[in-house]
Amino acid sequence: MDDIKTKQSITDDIKTKQSIMNDIKTKLSINQELYDNILVLPPQVRNKIYIICMQNYWKKYIPLTSKIPSWYSNAIYQKDLLFSAQRYNIHFLHLPSNTLVENKKYIMGCQCKFCLHDVSDKYKEEAHKEEPMSHFDTNIPYTDSKWNNSIELIYDTNLGTIKDGYTIFNCYYDTYITLSDKIHGPLIEFETIDYSLFT
């Protein structure tokens, strides 16, 4: 009885293996003639063919861990955007990923396109009558992030002190008199000297 069961189980195993091989052949679309020819070869040669095929496969294969992640280009873009915001004194709320154009409000000191060109000069003059810091505090909601601070504070672990780092946002930027303001400002008048007094 046991011999019959074992013979039956062996034939079932063979049938399942054949069905698996047929599934593999159909999925991989292996040429039937090539497949039959490979089966005729001695086992050592078949093993060599398998080893060569696997070596060629792994030469071309790039594992997912060594590929550049799909989000990497966006992360680099965001880092560049945040760095340029600090560099050109653009407030965090006026970055293209944070506020829609129709929802933007004038922020004193911000050097984005909206604050420089789209806001009327009358509104800017009224805003500049206020103290820049009070105007900034009333119009910008408070958050615990560093983007509402004027200077990045860095904790020095060696000395145990806090140092001033890179400037984040300067709301007094518009109130400074720059060199271009001096050049394009009112004309300088020179007095004429009466040289007859010196002779």
N, C-alpha and C. Protein backbone atom coordinates (compact mmCIF):
# COMPACT_ATOMS: atom_id res chain seq x y z
N MET A 1 0.82 -1.19 0.00
CA MET A 1 0.00 0.00 0.00
C MET A 1 0.86 1.26 0.00
N ASP A 2 1.94 1.20 0.79
CA ASP A 2 2.84 2.34 0.85
C ASP A 2 3.55 2.55 -0.48
N ASP A 3 3.90 1.44 -1.16
CA ASP A 3 4.57 1.55 -2.45
C ASP A 3 3.68 2.24 -3.48
N ILE A 4 2.38 1.94 -3.43
CA ILE A 4 1.44 2.56 -4.37
C ILE A 4 1.34 4.06 -4.10
N LYS A 5 1.29 4.43 -2.80
CA LYS A 5 1.20 5.84 -2.44
C LYS A 5 2.46 6.58 -2.89
N THR A 6 3.59 5.98 -2.67
CA THR A 6 4.82 6.65 -3.05
C THR A 6 4.92 6.79 -4.57
N LYS A 7 4.51 5.74 -5.32
CA LYS A 7 4.53 5.84 -6.78
C LYS A 7 3.57 6.92 -7.26
N GLN A 8 2.40 6.97 -6.59
CA GLN A 8 1.41 7.99 -6.96
C GLN A 8 1.94 9.39 -6.66
N SER A 9 2.56 9.56 -5.50
CA SER A 9 3.10 10.87 -5.14
C SER A 9 4.25 11.27 -6.07
N ILE A 10 5.06 10.30 -6.50
CA ILE A 10 6.16 10.59 -7.44
C ILE A 10 5.60 11.05 -8.78
N THR A 11 4.58 10.35 -9.28
CA THR A 11 3.98 10.76 -10.56
C THR A 11 3.32 12.13 -10.44
N ASP A 12 2.73 12.43 -9.28
CA ASP A 12 2.13 13.76 -9.05
C ASP A 12 3.22 14.84 -9.05
N ASP A 13 4.33 14.54 -8.41
CA ASP A 13 5.45 15.49 -8.38
C ASP A 13 5.98 15.75 -9.78
N ILE A 14 6.10 14.72 -10.56
CA ILE A 14 6.59 14.87 -11.93
C ILE A 14 5.62 15.73 -12.75
N LYS A 15 4.32 15.46 -12.58
CA LYS A 15 3.31 16.23 -13.32
C LYS A 15 3.33 17.70 -12.91
N THR A 16 3.46 17.97 -11.62
CA THR A 16 3.52 19.37 -11.16
C THR A 16 4.78 20.06 -11.68
N LYS A 17 5.92 19.33 -11.66
CA LYS A 17 7.16 19.92 -12.19
C LYS A 17 7.04 20.22 -13.68
N GLN A 18 6.40 19.29 -14.40
CA GLN A 18 6.22 19.53 -15.84
C GLN A 18 5.29 20.72 -16.09
N SER A 19 4.24 20.81 -15.30
CA SER A 19 3.33 21.96 -15.48
C SER A 19 4.03 23.27 -15.14
N ILE A 20 4.88 23.23 -14.10
CA ILE A 20 5.65 24.44 -13.75
C ILE A 20 6.60 24.80 -14.89
N MET A 21 7.28 23.81 -15.44
CA MET A 21 8.20 24.07 -16.56
C MET A 21 7.46 24.61 -17.77
N ASN A 22 6.28 24.06 -18.04
CA ASN A 22 5.48 24.56 -19.16
C ASN A 22 5.05 26.01 -18.92
N ASP A 23 4.69 26.33 -17.67
CA ASP A 23 4.33 27.72 -17.34
C ASP A 23 5.52 28.65 -17.55
N ILE A 24 6.69 28.20 -17.11
CA ILE A 24 7.89 29.00 -17.28
C ILE A 24 8.20 29.21 -18.75
N LYS A 25 8.07 28.16 -19.52
CA LYS A 25 8.35 28.27 -20.96
C LYS A 25 7.40 29.25 -21.62
N THR A 26 6.12 29.19 -21.25
CA THR A 26 5.16 30.10 -21.89
C THR A 26 5.39 31.53 -21.43
N LYS A 27 5.75 31.73 -20.16
CA LYS A 27 5.99 33.09 -19.66
C LYS A 27 7.25 33.68 -20.27
N LEU A 28 8.28 32.88 -20.39
CA LEU A 28 9.54 33.38 -20.93
C LEU A 28 9.61 33.29 -22.45
N SER A 29 8.60 32.67 -23.03
CA SER A 29 8.51 32.47 -24.49
C SER A 29 9.81 31.85 -25.03
N ILE A 30 10.20 30.73 -24.43
CA ILE A 30 11.41 30.01 -24.87
C ILE A 30 11.08 29.23 -26.13
N ASN A 31 11.99 29.25 -27.04
CA ASN A 31 11.84 28.47 -28.27
C ASN A 31 11.84 26.98 -27.91
N GLN A 32 10.82 26.27 -28.36
CA GLN A 32 10.66 24.85 -28.00
C GLN A 32 11.84 24.01 -28.51
N GLU A 33 12.30 24.30 -29.70
CA GLU A 33 13.42 23.53 -30.26
C GLU A 33 14.69 23.75 -29.44
N LEU A 34 14.95 25.01 -29.05
CA LEU A 34 16.11 25.32 -28.23
C LEU A 34 16.00 24.64 -26.86
N TYR A 35 14.82 24.68 -26.29
CA TYR A 35 14.60 24.06 -24.99
C TYR A 35 14.85 22.55 -25.05
N ASP A 36 14.34 21.91 -26.07
CA ASP A 36 14.55 20.46 -26.22
C ASP A 36 16.02 20.13 -26.44
N ASN A 37 16.72 20.96 -27.20
CA ASN A 37 18.14 20.73 -27.44
C ASN A 37 18.96 20.88 -26.15
N ILE A 38 18.58 21.83 -25.32
CA ILE A 38 19.29 22.02 -24.05
C ILE A 38 19.07 20.82 -23.14
N LEU A 39 17.85 20.28 -23.15
CA LEU A 39 17.56 19.11 -22.31
C LEU A 39 18.34 17.87 -22.75
N VAL A 40 18.70 17.80 -24.02
CA VAL A 40 19.46 16.64 -24.53
C VAL A 40 20.92 16.71 -24.06
N LEU A 41 21.42 17.89 -23.79
CA LEU A 41 22.83 18.04 -23.40
C LEU A 41 23.10 17.36 -22.07
N PRO A 42 24.37 16.98 -21.83
CA PRO A 42 24.72 16.39 -20.54
C PRO A 42 24.57 17.43 -19.42
N PRO A 43 24.35 16.98 -18.19
CA PRO A 43 24.10 17.90 -17.08
C PRO A 43 25.24 18.91 -16.84
N GLN A 44 26.49 18.50 -17.03
CA GLN A 44 27.61 19.42 -16.80
C GLN A 44 27.55 20.61 -17.77
N VAL A 45 27.23 20.34 -19.01
CA VAL A 45 27.15 21.41 -20.02
C VAL A 45 25.96 22.32 -19.71
N ARG A 46 24.83 21.70 -19.32
CA ARG A 46 23.65 22.52 -18.95
C ARG A 46 23.98 23.43 -17.78
N ASN A 47 24.72 22.89 -16.81
CA ASN A 47 25.11 23.72 -15.66
C ASN A 47 26.01 24.87 -16.08
N LYS A 48 26.95 24.62 -17.00
CA LYS A 48 27.83 25.67 -17.51
C LYS A 48 27.02 26.76 -18.22
N ILE A 49 26.07 26.33 -19.04
CA ILE A 49 25.21 27.30 -19.75
C ILE A 49 24.43 28.14 -18.74
N TYR A 50 23.92 27.48 -17.70
CA TYR A 50 23.18 28.20 -16.67
C TYR A 50 24.07 29.23 -15.97
N ILE A 51 25.30 28.80 -15.64
CA ILE A 51 26.22 29.71 -14.94
C ILE A 51 26.55 30.91 -15.83
N ILE A 52 26.82 30.69 -17.10
CA ILE A 52 27.16 31.78 -18.03
C ILE A 52 25.97 32.73 -18.18
N CYS A 53 24.76 32.17 -18.30
CA CYS A 53 23.56 33.01 -18.44
C CYS A 53 23.33 33.86 -17.20
N MET A 54 23.51 33.26 -16.03
CA MET A 54 23.32 34.01 -14.78
C MET A 54 24.38 35.09 -14.61
N GLN A 55 25.62 34.80 -15.00
CA GLN A 55 26.67 35.82 -14.93
C GLN A 55 26.34 37.01 -15.83
N ASN A 56 25.88 36.72 -17.04
CA ASN A 56 25.50 37.80 -17.96
C ASN A 56 24.31 38.60 -17.42
N TYR A 57 23.38 37.90 -16.77
CA TYR A 57 22.22 38.58 -16.20
C TYR A 57 22.66 39.53 -15.08
N TRP A 58 23.52 39.05 -14.17
CA TRP A 58 23.91 39.87 -13.04
C TRP A 58 24.86 41.00 -13.44
N LYS A 59 25.54 40.86 -14.59
CA LYS A 59 26.36 41.98 -15.08
C LYS A 59 25.49 43.17 -15.45
N LYS A 60 24.31 42.89 -16.04
CA LYS A 60 23.42 43.95 -16.49
C LYS A 60 22.49 44.45 -15.39
N TYR A 61 22.28 43.65 -14.36
CA TYR A 61 21.30 43.98 -13.32
C TYR A 61 21.85 45.07 -12.39
N ILE A 62 21.03 46.08 -12.13
CA ILE A 62 21.39 47.12 -11.16
C ILE A 62 20.39 47.01 -10.01
N PRO A 63 20.86 46.72 -8.80
CA PRO A 63 19.92 46.57 -7.69
C PRO A 63 19.26 47.90 -7.33
N LEU A 64 18.08 47.83 -6.74
CA LEU A 64 17.33 49.03 -6.40
C LEU A 64 18.08 49.91 -5.40
N THR A 65 18.86 49.30 -4.53
CA THR A 65 19.57 50.09 -3.52
C THR A 65 20.65 50.97 -4.11
N SER A 66 21.17 50.62 -5.28
CA SER A 66 22.23 51.44 -5.88
C SER A 66 21.68 52.41 -6.93
N LYS A 67 20.39 52.34 -7.24
CA LYS A 67 19.81 53.28 -8.19
C LYS A 67 19.51 54.60 -7.51
N ILE A 68 19.49 55.67 -8.28
CA ILE A 68 19.13 56.98 -7.75
C ILE A 68 17.64 56.97 -7.47
N PRO A 69 17.21 57.36 -6.25
CA PRO A 69 15.78 57.31 -5.94
C PRO A 69 14.98 58.27 -6.81
N SER A 70 13.72 57.97 -7.00
CA SER A 70 12.87 58.79 -7.87
C SER A 70 12.63 60.19 -7.28
N TRP A 71 12.71 60.33 -5.97
CA TRP A 71 12.45 61.62 -5.32
C TRP A 71 13.70 62.50 -5.23
N TYR A 72 14.86 62.00 -5.65
CA TYR A 72 16.12 62.71 -5.42
C TYR A 72 16.18 64.05 -6.16
N SER A 73 15.73 64.09 -7.41
CA SER A 73 15.79 65.35 -8.17
C SER A 73 14.90 66.42 -7.53
N ASN A 74 13.73 66.01 -7.01
CA ASN A 74 12.86 66.97 -6.33
C ASN A 74 13.48 67.46 -5.02
N ALA A 75 14.18 66.59 -4.32
CA ALA A 75 14.82 66.99 -3.07
C ALA A 75 15.94 68.00 -3.34
N ILE A 76 16.71 67.78 -4.39
CA ILE A 76 17.76 68.74 -4.75
C ILE A 76 17.16 70.09 -5.15
N TYR A 77 16.04 70.05 -5.90
CA TYR A 77 15.36 71.29 -6.31
C TYR A 77 14.89 72.06 -5.08
N GLN A 78 14.32 71.35 -4.09
CA GLN A 78 13.84 72.02 -2.87
C GLN A 78 15.00 72.62 -2.08
N LYS A 79 16.11 71.90 -1.97
CA LYS A 79 17.27 72.44 -1.25
C LYS A 79 17.80 73.70 -1.93
N ASP A 80 17.88 73.67 -3.26
CA ASP A 80 18.34 74.85 -4.00
C ASP A 80 17.38 76.02 -3.82
N LEU A 81 16.09 75.71 -3.80
CA LEU A 81 15.07 76.75 -3.62
C LEU A 81 15.19 77.41 -2.25
N LEU A 82 15.39 76.60 -1.22
CA LEU A 82 15.53 77.14 0.13
C LEU A 82 16.82 77.94 0.28
N PHE A 83 17.89 77.45 -0.34
CA PHE A 83 19.15 78.20 -0.27
C PHE A 83 19.05 79.53 -0.99
N SER A 84 18.43 79.53 -2.18
CA SER A 84 18.29 80.79 -2.92
C SER A 84 17.33 81.74 -2.21
N ALA A 85 16.35 81.21 -1.46
CA ALA A 85 15.46 82.07 -0.68
C ALA A 85 16.25 82.80 0.40
N GLN A 86 17.17 82.10 1.06
CA GLN A 86 18.01 82.77 2.05
C GLN A 86 18.98 83.74 1.39
N ARG A 87 19.50 83.35 0.28
CA ARG A 87 20.52 84.17 -0.39
C ARG A 87 19.94 85.48 -0.92
N TYR A 88 18.75 85.42 -1.53
CA TYR A 88 18.16 86.61 -2.15
C TYR A 88 17.11 87.27 -1.27
N ASN A 89 17.01 86.87 -0.01
CA ASN A 89 16.08 87.45 0.96
C ASN A 89 14.63 87.34 0.51
N ILE A 90 14.21 86.14 0.16
CA ILE A 90 12.83 85.86 -0.20
C ILE A 90 12.21 85.09 0.96
N HIS A 91 11.03 85.54 1.40
CA HIS A 91 10.40 84.87 2.54
C HIS A 91 9.91 83.48 2.15
N PHE A 92 9.92 82.58 3.13
CA PHE A 92 9.54 81.18 2.93
C PHE A 92 8.12 81.05 2.37
N LEU A 93 7.21 81.91 2.78
CA LEU A 93 5.82 81.84 2.30
C LEU A 93 5.70 82.20 0.83
N HIS A 94 6.64 82.94 0.29
CA HIS A 94 6.56 83.36 -1.12
C HIS A 94 7.31 82.45 -2.07
N LEU A 95 7.71 81.28 -1.59
CA LEU A 95 8.30 80.29 -2.49
C LEU A 95 7.18 79.66 -3.32
N PRO A 96 7.46 79.22 -4.55
CA PRO A 96 6.40 78.72 -5.42
C PRO A 96 5.65 77.51 -4.89
N SER A 97 6.27 76.75 -3.98
CA SER A 97 5.60 75.56 -3.46
C SER A 97 4.75 75.83 -2.23
N ASN A 98 4.72 77.07 -1.73
CA ASN A 98 4.02 77.33 -0.47
C ASN A 98 2.72 78.12 -0.59
N THR A 99 2.68 79.13 -1.44
CA THR A 99 1.50 79.99 -1.52
C THR A 99 1.14 80.24 -2.97
N LEU A 100 -0.16 80.18 -3.26
CA LEU A 100 -0.63 80.53 -4.60
C LEU A 100 -0.45 82.02 -4.82
N VAL A 101 -0.29 82.43 -6.05
CA VAL A 101 -0.04 83.84 -6.37
C VAL A 101 -1.19 84.71 -5.90
N GLU A 102 -2.43 84.24 -6.07
CA GLU A 102 -3.59 85.06 -5.69
C GLU A 102 -3.73 85.19 -4.17
N ASN A 103 -3.05 84.35 -3.40
CA ASN A 103 -3.12 84.43 -1.93
C ASN A 103 -1.93 85.15 -1.31
N LYS A 104 -0.99 85.61 -2.11
CA LYS A 104 0.20 86.25 -1.56
C LYS A 104 -0.13 87.65 -1.05
N LYS A 105 0.53 88.01 0.05
CA LYS A 105 0.42 89.35 0.61
C LYS A 105 1.82 89.94 0.70
N TYR A 106 1.89 91.25 0.66
CA TYR A 106 3.18 91.92 0.70
C TYR A 106 3.86 91.69 2.04
N ILE A 107 5.12 91.27 1.98
CA ILE A 107 5.93 91.09 3.19
C ILE A 107 7.10 92.06 3.07
N MET A 108 7.23 92.90 4.06
CA MET A 108 8.29 93.91 4.01
C MET A 108 9.66 93.24 4.02
N GLY A 109 10.49 93.63 3.07
CA GLY A 109 11.84 93.08 2.97
C GLY A 109 11.96 91.95 1.98
N CYS A 110 10.84 91.34 1.59
CA CYS A 110 10.88 90.21 0.66
C CYS A 110 11.26 90.70 -0.74
N GLN A 111 12.14 89.97 -1.39
CA GLN A 111 12.65 90.38 -2.70
C GLN A 111 12.13 89.48 -3.83
N CYS A 112 10.97 88.85 -3.63
CA CYS A 112 10.40 88.02 -4.69
C CYS A 112 9.78 88.92 -5.76
N LYS A 113 9.43 88.32 -6.87
CA LYS A 113 8.85 89.07 -8.00
C LYS A 113 7.56 89.76 -7.59
N PHE A 114 6.73 89.09 -6.80
CA PHE A 114 5.46 89.66 -6.38
C PHE A 114 5.67 90.91 -5.54
N CYS A 115 6.54 90.83 -4.53
CA CYS A 115 6.75 91.97 -3.63
C CYS A 115 7.48 93.13 -4.31
N LEU A 116 8.34 92.83 -5.27
CA LEU A 116 9.08 93.90 -5.93
C LEU A 116 8.27 94.60 -7.02
N HIS A 117 7.50 93.85 -7.80
CA HIS A 117 6.89 94.42 -9.00
C HIS A 117 5.36 94.44 -9.00
N ASP A 118 4.72 93.47 -8.36
CA ASP A 118 3.26 93.37 -8.46
C ASP A 118 2.51 94.19 -7.43
N VAL A 119 3.14 94.54 -6.31
CA VAL A 119 2.48 95.33 -5.28
C VAL A 119 2.60 96.82 -5.64
N SER A 120 1.52 97.56 -5.42
CA SER A 120 1.53 98.98 -5.78
C SER A 120 2.47 99.75 -4.85
N ASP A 121 3.02 100.83 -5.39
CA ASP A 121 3.96 101.64 -4.61
C ASP A 121 3.27 102.32 -3.43
N LYS A 122 1.99 102.68 -3.60
CA LYS A 122 1.26 103.32 -2.49
C LYS A 122 1.15 102.39 -1.30
N TYR A 123 0.84 101.11 -1.57
CA TYR A 123 0.73 100.14 -0.49
C TYR A 123 2.09 99.95 0.20
N LYS A 124 3.15 99.94 -0.60
CA LYS A 124 4.49 99.80 -0.02
C LYS A 124 4.83 100.99 0.87
N GLU A 125 4.48 102.21 0.41
CA GLU A 125 4.77 103.41 1.21
C GLU A 125 4.02 103.38 2.54
N GLU A 126 2.75 102.94 2.50
CA GLU A 126 1.97 102.84 3.74
C GLU A 126 2.57 101.80 4.67
N ALA A 127 3.02 100.69 4.10
CA ALA A 127 3.62 99.64 4.92
C ALA A 127 4.94 100.11 5.52
N HIS A 128 5.70 100.92 4.78
CA HIS A 128 7.01 101.37 5.26
C HIS A 128 6.89 102.44 6.33
N LYS A 129 5.69 103.00 6.51
CA LYS A 129 5.51 103.95 7.60
C LYS A 129 5.57 103.24 8.95
N GLU A 130 5.18 101.98 8.95
CA GLU A 130 5.25 101.18 10.18
C GLU A 130 6.69 100.74 10.42
N GLU A 131 6.93 100.32 11.65
CA GLU A 131 8.22 99.68 11.97
C GLU A 131 8.26 98.33 11.26
N PRO A 132 9.33 98.00 10.54
CA PRO A 132 9.37 96.75 9.77
C PRO A 132 9.09 95.50 10.61
N MET A 133 9.60 95.47 11.84
CA MET A 133 9.40 94.27 12.65
C MET A 133 7.95 94.13 13.09
N SER A 134 7.29 95.23 13.42
CA SER A 134 5.88 95.15 13.83
C SER A 134 5.00 94.78 12.62
N HIS A 135 5.34 95.32 11.44
CA HIS A 135 4.60 94.96 10.22
C HIS A 135 4.78 93.47 9.93
N PHE A 136 5.98 92.99 10.13
CA PHE A 136 6.28 91.57 9.89
C PHE A 136 5.51 90.69 10.88
N ASP A 137 5.49 91.09 12.16
CA ASP A 137 4.81 90.28 13.18
C ASP A 137 3.30 90.25 12.99
N THR A 138 2.70 91.36 12.52
CA THR A 138 1.25 91.39 12.34
C THR A 138 0.79 90.63 11.09
N ASN A 139 1.62 90.61 10.04
CA ASN A 139 1.19 89.98 8.78
C ASN A 139 1.61 88.52 8.64
N ILE A 140 2.64 88.10 9.33
CA ILE A 140 3.16 86.74 9.19
C ILE A 140 2.77 85.94 10.42
N PRO A 141 2.11 84.79 10.23
CA PRO A 141 1.75 83.97 11.40
C PRO A 141 2.99 83.39 12.07
N TYR A 142 2.92 83.26 13.40
CA TYR A 142 4.06 82.75 14.15
C TYR A 142 4.14 81.23 14.01
N THR A 143 5.35 80.74 13.78
CA THR A 143 5.61 79.30 13.77
C THR A 143 6.91 79.05 14.52
N ASP A 144 7.12 77.80 14.90
CA ASP A 144 8.36 77.45 15.61
C ASP A 144 9.50 77.16 14.64
N SER A 145 9.25 77.23 13.34
CA SER A 145 10.31 76.92 12.38
C SER A 145 11.32 78.07 12.32
N LYS A 146 12.46 77.79 11.73
CA LYS A 146 13.52 78.80 11.65
C LYS A 146 13.23 79.86 10.60
N TRP A 147 12.22 79.65 9.73
CA TRP A 147 12.02 80.53 8.58
C TRP A 147 11.43 81.88 8.94
N ASN A 148 10.96 82.06 10.17
CA ASN A 148 10.50 83.39 10.60
C ASN A 148 11.57 84.13 11.38
N ASN A 149 12.71 83.52 11.57
CA ASN A 149 13.81 84.18 12.29
C ASN A 149 14.66 84.98 11.31
N SER A 150 15.31 86.00 11.83
CA SER A 150 16.17 86.79 10.95
C SER A 150 17.52 86.11 10.75
N ILE A 151 18.01 85.43 11.78
CA ILE A 151 19.32 84.78 11.71
C ILE A 151 19.18 83.35 12.23
N GLU A 152 19.87 82.43 11.57
CA GLU A 152 19.88 81.05 12.01
C GLU A 152 20.79 80.93 13.23
N LEU A 153 20.26 80.34 14.30
CA LEU A 153 21.04 80.17 15.52
C LEU A 153 21.63 78.77 15.55
N ILE A 154 22.94 78.70 15.76
CA ILE A 154 23.66 77.42 15.75
C ILE A 154 24.21 77.18 17.16
N TYR A 155 23.90 76.00 17.71
CA TYR A 155 24.40 75.63 19.03
C TYR A 155 25.76 74.95 18.88
N ASP A 156 26.76 75.54 19.49
CA ASP A 156 28.11 74.97 19.46
C ASP A 156 28.26 74.01 20.63
N THR A 157 28.38 72.71 20.32
CA THR A 157 28.44 71.69 21.38
C THR A 157 29.77 71.74 22.14
N ASN A 158 30.83 72.17 21.49
CA ASN A 158 32.15 72.20 22.16
C ASN A 158 32.19 73.28 23.24
N LEU A 159 31.69 74.48 22.87
CA LEU A 159 31.73 75.59 23.82
C LEU A 159 30.45 75.71 24.64
N GLY A 160 29.38 75.08 24.19
CA GLY A 160 28.10 75.18 24.90
C GLY A 160 27.43 76.53 24.73
N THR A 161 27.71 77.19 23.62
CA THR A 161 27.14 78.52 23.37
C THR A 161 26.35 78.51 22.06
N ILE A 162 25.55 79.55 21.88
CA ILE A 162 24.77 79.71 20.66
C ILE A 162 25.43 80.80 19.82
N LYS A 163 25.65 80.49 18.56
CA LYS A 163 26.29 81.44 17.64
C LYS A 163 25.31 81.86 16.57
N ASP A 164 25.55 83.04 16.01
CA ASP A 164 24.76 83.50 14.87
C ASP A 164 25.27 82.82 13.61
N GLY A 165 24.33 82.30 12.81
CA GLY A 165 24.70 81.64 11.57
C GLY A 165 24.34 82.49 10.36
N TYR A 166 23.87 81.82 9.34
CA TYR A 166 23.54 82.46 8.07
C TYR A 166 22.22 83.23 8.21
N THR A 167 22.12 84.39 7.56
CA THR A 167 20.89 85.17 7.59
C THR A 167 19.77 84.43 6.88
N ILE A 168 18.61 84.31 7.51
CA ILE A 168 17.48 83.61 6.89
C ILE A 168 16.57 84.60 6.18
N PHE A 169 16.04 85.58 6.91
CA PHE A 169 15.19 86.59 6.29
C PHE A 169 15.38 87.91 7.02
N ASN A 170 15.57 88.98 6.27
CA ASN A 170 15.81 90.29 6.84
C ASN A 170 14.66 91.20 6.44
N CYS A 171 13.76 91.51 7.40
CA CYS A 171 12.62 92.37 7.07
C CYS A 171 13.02 93.83 6.92
N TYR A 172 14.23 94.20 7.33
CA TYR A 172 14.72 95.57 7.18
C TYR A 172 15.40 95.80 5.83
N TYR A 173 15.37 94.82 4.97
CA TYR A 173 16.11 94.88 3.70
C TYR A 173 15.70 96.09 2.86
N ASP A 174 14.39 96.39 2.79
CA ASP A 174 13.91 97.51 1.98
C ASP A 174 14.25 98.87 2.57
N THR A 175 14.50 98.92 3.86
CA THR A 175 14.75 100.22 4.50
C THR A 175 16.19 100.67 4.36
N TYR A 176 17.08 99.76 3.98
CA TYR A 176 18.47 100.15 3.79
C TYR A 176 18.62 101.02 2.56
N ILE A 177 19.52 101.99 2.62
CA ILE A 177 19.84 102.80 1.44
C ILE A 177 21.02 102.12 0.75
N THR A 178 20.74 101.56 -0.39
CA THR A 178 21.78 100.84 -1.13
C THR A 178 22.52 101.79 -2.05
N LEU A 179 23.58 101.29 -2.68
CA LEU A 179 24.35 102.08 -3.61
C LEU A 179 23.50 102.48 -4.82
N SER A 180 22.64 101.57 -5.29
CA SER A 180 21.79 101.92 -6.44
C SER A 180 20.79 103.01 -6.07
N ASP A 181 20.31 103.01 -4.78
CA ASP A 181 19.42 104.09 -4.34
C ASP A 181 20.16 105.43 -4.34
N LYS A 182 21.42 105.40 -3.93
CA LYS A 182 22.18 106.64 -3.92
C LYS A 182 22.43 107.13 -5.35
N ILE A 183 22.73 106.20 -6.26
CA ILE A 183 23.00 106.58 -7.65
C ILE A 183 21.74 107.12 -8.32
N HIS A 184 20.62 106.43 -8.13
CA HIS A 184 19.37 106.84 -8.78
C HIS A 184 18.55 107.81 -7.94
N GLY A 185 19.09 108.26 -6.83
CA GLY A 185 18.37 109.18 -5.94
C GLY A 185 18.42 110.61 -6.47
N PRO A 186 18.20 111.59 -5.57
CA PRO A 186 18.20 113.01 -6.01
C PRO A 186 19.58 113.44 -6.50
N LEU A 187 19.57 114.36 -7.41
CA LEU A 187 20.83 114.85 -8.00
C LEU A 187 21.63 115.63 -6.96
N ILE A 188 22.94 115.51 -7.05
CA ILE A 188 23.84 116.25 -6.16
C ILE A 188 24.11 117.61 -6.80
N GLU A 189 23.91 118.65 -6.01
CA GLU A 189 24.14 120.01 -6.52
C GLU A 189 25.44 120.54 -5.94
N PHE A 190 26.22 121.13 -6.81
CA PHE A 190 27.50 121.71 -6.39
C PHE A 190 27.37 123.23 -6.36
N GLU A 191 27.96 123.82 -5.36
CA GLU A 191 27.94 125.27 -5.27
C GLU A 191 29.06 125.83 -6.14
N THR A 192 28.76 126.95 -6.74
CA THR A 192 29.81 127.62 -7.53
C THR A 192 30.63 128.49 -6.58
N ILE A 193 31.91 128.41 -6.76
CA ILE A 193 32.82 129.16 -5.90
C ILE A 193 33.24 130.44 -6.61
N ASP A 194 33.19 131.53 -5.90
CA ASP A 194 33.61 132.83 -6.43
C ASP A 194 35.12 132.94 -6.17
N TYR A 195 35.90 132.73 -7.23
CA TYR A 195 37.36 132.76 -7.08
C TYR A 195 37.92 134.18 -6.89
N SER A 196 37.09 135.17 -7.12
CA SER A 196 37.57 136.55 -6.97
C SER A 196 37.87 136.86 -5.52
N LEU A 197 37.29 136.08 -4.61
CA LEU A 197 37.56 136.31 -3.19
C LEU A 197 38.97 135.90 -2.81
N PHE A 198 39.55 134.97 -3.57
CA PHE A 198 40.86 134.44 -3.22
C PHE A 198 41.99 135.20 -3.90
N THR A 199 41.70 136.17 -4.71
CA THR A 199 42.78 136.91 -5.36
C THR A 199 43.04 138.26 -4.74
